[in-house]
């Protein structure tokens, strides 16, 4: 349809434009029917035998934050001292 007629039909809500998208999926060079788990750690046995050269390794993620350390407690005497300080501050 010419642009003018299409605009007129759209304005009168007699035309509905639909965009269709299609994708072609093909087998790539790394296609495999078996699921292979990538190695995450390099062991001394791998180095000794040289098997690490032909194994796929999982890429390392440098942007991950990791787990926060579960440490860092106050010494018991410091806890007592801070409680006493708080009591004296409340007393004036």
N, C-alpha and C. Protein backbone atom coordinates (compact mmCIF):
# COMPACT_ATOMS: atom_id res chain seq x y z
N UNK A 1 0.83 -1.19 0.00
CA UNK A 1 0.00 0.00 0.00
C UNK A 1 0.87 1.25 0.00
N UNK A 2 0.41 2.28 -0.66
CA UNK A 2 1.14 3.55 -0.59
C UNK A 2 1.11 4.10 0.84
N UNK A 3 2.06 4.93 1.14
CA UNK A 3 2.21 5.46 2.49
C UNK A 3 0.98 6.26 2.93
N UNK A 4 0.41 7.02 2.05
CA UNK A 4 -0.75 7.85 2.39
C UNK A 4 -1.95 6.97 2.77
N UNK A 5 -2.22 5.93 1.98
CA UNK A 5 -3.34 5.04 2.27
C UNK A 5 -3.10 4.26 3.56
N UNK A 6 -1.86 3.84 3.77
CA UNK A 6 -1.54 3.11 4.98
C UNK A 6 -1.75 3.99 6.22
N UNK A 7 -1.34 5.26 6.14
CA UNK A 7 -1.53 6.18 7.25
C UNK A 7 -3.01 6.42 7.52
N UNK A 8 -3.79 6.53 6.47
CA UNK A 8 -5.23 6.74 6.62
C UNK A 8 -5.90 5.53 7.29
N UNK A 9 -5.53 4.35 6.86
CA UNK A 9 -6.10 3.14 7.46
C UNK A 9 -5.66 2.96 8.92
N UNK A 10 -4.45 3.34 9.21
CA UNK A 10 -3.98 3.27 10.59
C UNK A 10 -4.74 4.24 11.47
N UNK A 11 -4.98 5.44 10.95
CA UNK A 11 -5.68 6.47 11.71
C UNK A 11 -7.10 6.02 12.02
N UNK A 12 -7.72 5.31 11.10
CA UNK A 12 -9.09 4.83 11.29
C UNK A 12 -9.13 3.48 12.01
N UNK A 13 -7.95 2.99 12.38
CA UNK A 13 -7.79 1.72 13.10
C UNK A 13 -8.35 0.54 12.31
N UNK A 14 -8.13 0.60 11.01
CA UNK A 14 -8.53 -0.50 10.14
C UNK A 14 -7.33 -1.33 9.70
N UNK A 15 -6.14 -0.91 10.10
CA UNK A 15 -4.92 -1.59 9.70
C UNK A 15 -4.09 -1.86 10.94
N UNK A 16 -3.58 -3.05 11.04
CA UNK A 16 -2.72 -3.44 12.14
C UNK A 16 -1.41 -3.93 11.54
N UNK A 17 -0.33 -3.23 11.85
CA UNK A 17 0.98 -3.63 11.33
C UNK A 17 1.63 -4.58 12.32
N UNK A 18 2.15 -5.68 11.80
CA UNK A 18 2.79 -6.69 12.61
C UNK A 18 4.19 -6.93 12.03
N UNK A 19 5.18 -6.95 12.91
CA UNK A 19 6.55 -7.22 12.50
C UNK A 19 6.87 -8.66 12.87
N UNK A 20 7.29 -9.43 11.91
CA UNK A 20 7.67 -10.82 12.14
C UNK A 20 9.18 -10.94 12.11
N UNK A 21 9.72 -11.64 13.11
CA UNK A 21 11.15 -11.88 13.16
C UNK A 21 11.37 -13.37 13.10
N UNK A 22 12.37 -13.77 12.36
CA UNK A 22 12.69 -15.19 12.28
C UNK A 22 14.19 -15.37 12.48
N UNK A 23 14.55 -16.53 13.01
CA UNK A 23 15.94 -16.84 13.29
C UNK A 23 16.27 -18.19 12.68
N UNK A 24 17.48 -18.32 12.20
CA UNK A 24 17.98 -19.58 11.69
C UNK A 24 18.99 -20.11 12.69
N UNK A 25 18.78 -21.34 13.12
CA UNK A 25 19.69 -21.96 14.07
C UNK A 25 20.43 -23.08 13.36
N UNK A 26 21.75 -23.01 13.42
CA UNK A 26 22.58 -24.01 12.77
C UNK A 26 23.60 -24.54 13.75
N UNK A 27 24.13 -25.69 13.47
CA UNK A 27 25.16 -26.28 14.32
C UNK A 27 26.47 -25.53 14.09
N UNK A 28 27.09 -25.12 15.19
CA UNK A 28 28.36 -24.41 15.10
C UNK A 28 29.53 -25.37 15.21
N UNK A 29 30.71 -24.80 15.26
CA UNK A 29 31.93 -25.62 15.31
C UNK A 29 32.07 -26.33 16.65
N UNK A 30 31.48 -25.79 17.72
CA UNK A 30 31.59 -26.40 19.05
C UNK A 30 30.39 -27.27 19.39
N UNK A 31 29.57 -27.65 18.40
CA UNK A 31 28.38 -28.46 18.64
C UNK A 31 28.77 -29.86 19.08
N UNK A 32 28.05 -30.34 20.10
CA UNK A 32 28.29 -31.69 20.59
C UNK A 32 27.01 -32.21 21.21
N UNK A 33 26.77 -33.50 21.09
CA UNK A 33 25.58 -34.09 21.71
C UNK A 33 25.85 -34.50 23.15
N UNK A 34 27.09 -34.57 23.55
CA UNK A 34 27.44 -34.92 24.93
C UNK A 34 27.75 -33.65 25.71
N UNK A 35 27.32 -33.63 26.97
CA UNK A 35 27.60 -32.49 27.84
C UNK A 35 28.91 -32.75 28.57
N UNK A 36 29.89 -31.91 28.34
CA UNK A 36 31.20 -32.05 28.99
C UNK A 36 31.34 -30.98 30.06
N UNK A 37 31.67 -31.39 31.26
CA UNK A 37 31.85 -30.44 32.35
C UNK A 37 33.26 -29.86 32.29
N UNK A 38 33.36 -28.56 32.31
CA UNK A 38 34.66 -27.90 32.25
C UNK A 38 35.36 -28.02 33.60
N UNK A 39 36.65 -28.16 33.57
CA UNK A 39 37.44 -28.26 34.80
C UNK A 39 37.51 -26.90 35.47
N UNK A 40 37.51 -26.91 36.80
CA UNK A 40 37.58 -25.65 37.55
C UNK A 40 38.90 -25.49 38.29
N UNK A 41 39.59 -26.59 38.55
CA UNK A 41 40.83 -26.52 39.31
C UNK A 41 41.94 -27.27 38.59
N UNK A 42 43.14 -26.77 38.74
CA UNK A 42 44.33 -27.42 38.19
C UNK A 42 45.01 -28.18 39.33
N UNK A 43 45.10 -29.49 39.20
CA UNK A 43 45.66 -30.33 40.26
C UNK A 43 47.11 -30.71 39.93
N UNK A 44 47.86 -31.10 40.96
CA UNK A 44 49.25 -31.54 40.70
C UNK A 44 49.31 -32.76 39.78
N UNK A 45 48.30 -33.63 39.83
CA UNK A 45 48.29 -34.80 38.95
C UNK A 45 48.15 -34.38 37.49
N UNK A 46 47.34 -33.37 37.24
CA UNK A 46 47.18 -32.87 35.88
C UNK A 46 48.49 -32.33 35.33
N UNK A 47 49.21 -31.62 36.19
CA UNK A 47 50.49 -31.05 35.76
C UNK A 47 51.51 -32.16 35.51
N UNK A 48 51.52 -33.16 36.40
CA UNK A 48 52.49 -34.24 36.28
C UNK A 48 52.26 -35.07 35.01
N UNK A 49 51.01 -35.35 34.69
CA UNK A 49 50.71 -36.18 33.52
C UNK A 49 50.61 -35.37 32.24
N UNK A 50 50.43 -34.06 32.35
CA UNK A 50 50.28 -33.22 31.16
C UNK A 50 48.88 -33.25 30.58
N UNK A 51 47.92 -33.80 31.33
CA UNK A 51 46.55 -33.89 30.82
C UNK A 51 45.83 -32.54 30.79
N UNK A 52 46.37 -31.55 31.49
CA UNK A 52 45.72 -30.24 31.52
C UNK A 52 45.72 -29.56 30.16
N UNK A 53 46.63 -29.97 29.26
CA UNK A 53 46.73 -29.33 27.94
C UNK A 53 45.51 -29.61 27.07
N UNK A 54 44.88 -30.77 27.23
CA UNK A 54 43.74 -31.12 26.37
C UNK A 54 42.39 -31.01 27.08
N UNK A 55 42.36 -30.53 28.32
CA UNK A 55 41.11 -30.40 29.06
C UNK A 55 40.54 -28.99 28.90
N UNK A 56 39.22 -28.85 28.78
CA UNK A 56 38.62 -27.50 28.76
C UNK A 56 38.48 -26.99 30.19
N UNK A 57 38.86 -25.75 30.41
CA UNK A 57 38.76 -25.13 31.73
C UNK A 57 37.68 -24.05 31.72
N UNK A 58 37.01 -23.93 32.85
CA UNK A 58 35.98 -22.91 33.01
C UNK A 58 36.66 -21.54 33.10
N UNK A 59 36.16 -20.53 32.38
CA UNK A 59 36.79 -19.20 32.46
C UNK A 59 36.62 -18.60 33.87
N UNK A 60 37.63 -17.90 34.32
CA UNK A 60 37.62 -17.31 35.66
C UNK A 60 36.88 -15.98 35.61
N UNK A 61 35.99 -15.75 36.57
CA UNK A 61 35.21 -14.52 36.65
C UNK A 61 35.89 -13.57 37.63
N UNK A 62 36.57 -12.55 37.12
CA UNK A 62 37.27 -11.60 37.97
C UNK A 62 36.35 -10.55 38.57
N UNK A 63 35.13 -10.41 38.06
CA UNK A 63 34.22 -9.38 38.57
C UNK A 63 33.30 -9.88 39.67
N UNK A 64 33.37 -11.16 40.04
CA UNK A 64 32.51 -11.67 41.10
C UNK A 64 33.05 -11.21 42.45
N UNK A 65 32.15 -10.97 43.39
CA UNK A 65 32.54 -10.44 44.69
C UNK A 65 32.95 -11.55 45.66
N UNK A 66 32.37 -12.72 45.57
CA UNK A 66 32.70 -13.80 46.48
C UNK A 66 31.96 -13.65 47.80
N UNK A 67 32.25 -14.54 48.72
CA UNK A 67 31.60 -14.51 50.03
C UNK A 67 32.36 -13.61 50.98
N UNK A 68 31.65 -12.83 51.81
CA UNK A 68 32.36 -12.02 52.80
C UNK A 68 32.94 -12.93 53.89
N UNK A 69 34.08 -12.57 54.45
CA UNK A 69 34.68 -13.42 55.49
C UNK A 69 33.81 -13.43 56.74
N UNK A 70 33.68 -14.60 57.35
CA UNK A 70 32.87 -14.75 58.56
C UNK A 70 33.78 -14.66 59.79
N UNK A 71 34.41 -13.54 60.00
CA UNK A 71 35.31 -13.36 61.14
C UNK A 71 35.24 -11.91 61.58
N UNK A 72 35.97 -11.59 62.63
CA UNK A 72 36.04 -10.21 63.09
C UNK A 72 35.12 -9.93 64.25
N UNK A 73 35.36 -10.56 65.40
CA UNK A 73 34.55 -10.32 66.59
C UNK A 73 35.36 -9.48 67.58
N UNK A 74 34.64 -8.74 68.43
CA UNK A 74 35.32 -7.95 69.45
C UNK A 74 35.85 -8.87 70.55
N UNK A 75 36.95 -8.46 71.14
CA UNK A 75 37.50 -9.18 72.28
C UNK A 75 36.52 -9.04 73.45
N UNK A 76 36.35 -10.08 74.28
CA UNK A 76 35.39 -9.97 75.39
C UNK A 76 35.64 -8.79 76.33
N UNK A 77 36.92 -8.45 76.59
CA UNK A 77 37.19 -7.31 77.46
C UNK A 77 36.79 -5.99 76.79
N UNK A 78 36.94 -5.93 75.48
CA UNK A 78 36.52 -4.71 74.78
C UNK A 78 35.00 -4.57 74.81
N UNK A 79 34.28 -5.69 74.77
CA UNK A 79 32.82 -5.64 74.89
C UNK A 79 32.42 -5.09 76.25
N UNK A 80 33.05 -5.58 77.30
CA UNK A 80 32.74 -5.13 78.66
C UNK A 80 33.06 -3.65 78.79
N UNK A 81 34.21 -3.22 78.25
CA UNK A 81 34.60 -1.81 78.35
C UNK A 81 33.60 -0.91 77.62
N UNK A 82 33.13 -1.35 76.44
CA UNK A 82 32.17 -0.52 75.71
C UNK A 82 30.82 -0.48 76.42
N UNK A 83 30.42 -1.59 77.07
CA UNK A 83 29.17 -1.58 77.83
C UNK A 83 29.27 -0.64 79.03
N UNK A 84 30.42 -0.70 79.74
CA UNK A 84 30.62 0.21 80.88
C UNK A 84 30.62 1.66 80.43
N UNK A 85 31.27 1.95 79.34
CA UNK A 85 31.31 3.31 78.79
C UNK A 85 29.90 3.80 78.49
N UNK A 86 29.07 2.92 77.89
CA UNK A 86 27.71 3.28 77.55
C UNK A 86 26.89 3.57 78.82
N UNK A 87 27.11 2.74 79.87
CA UNK A 87 26.39 2.95 81.15
C UNK A 87 26.76 4.30 81.75
N UNK A 88 28.08 4.62 81.79
CA UNK A 88 28.50 5.90 82.35
C UNK A 88 28.03 7.08 81.51
N UNK A 89 27.97 6.91 80.19
CA UNK A 89 27.47 8.00 79.34
C UNK A 89 25.99 8.25 79.59
N UNK A 90 25.22 7.18 79.85
CA UNK A 90 23.79 7.36 80.14
C UNK A 90 23.58 8.00 81.49
N UNK A 91 24.51 7.75 82.45
CA UNK A 91 24.40 8.35 83.77
C UNK A 91 24.81 9.82 83.76
N UNK A 92 25.56 10.21 82.77
CA UNK A 92 25.96 11.61 82.69
C UNK A 92 27.38 11.76 83.12
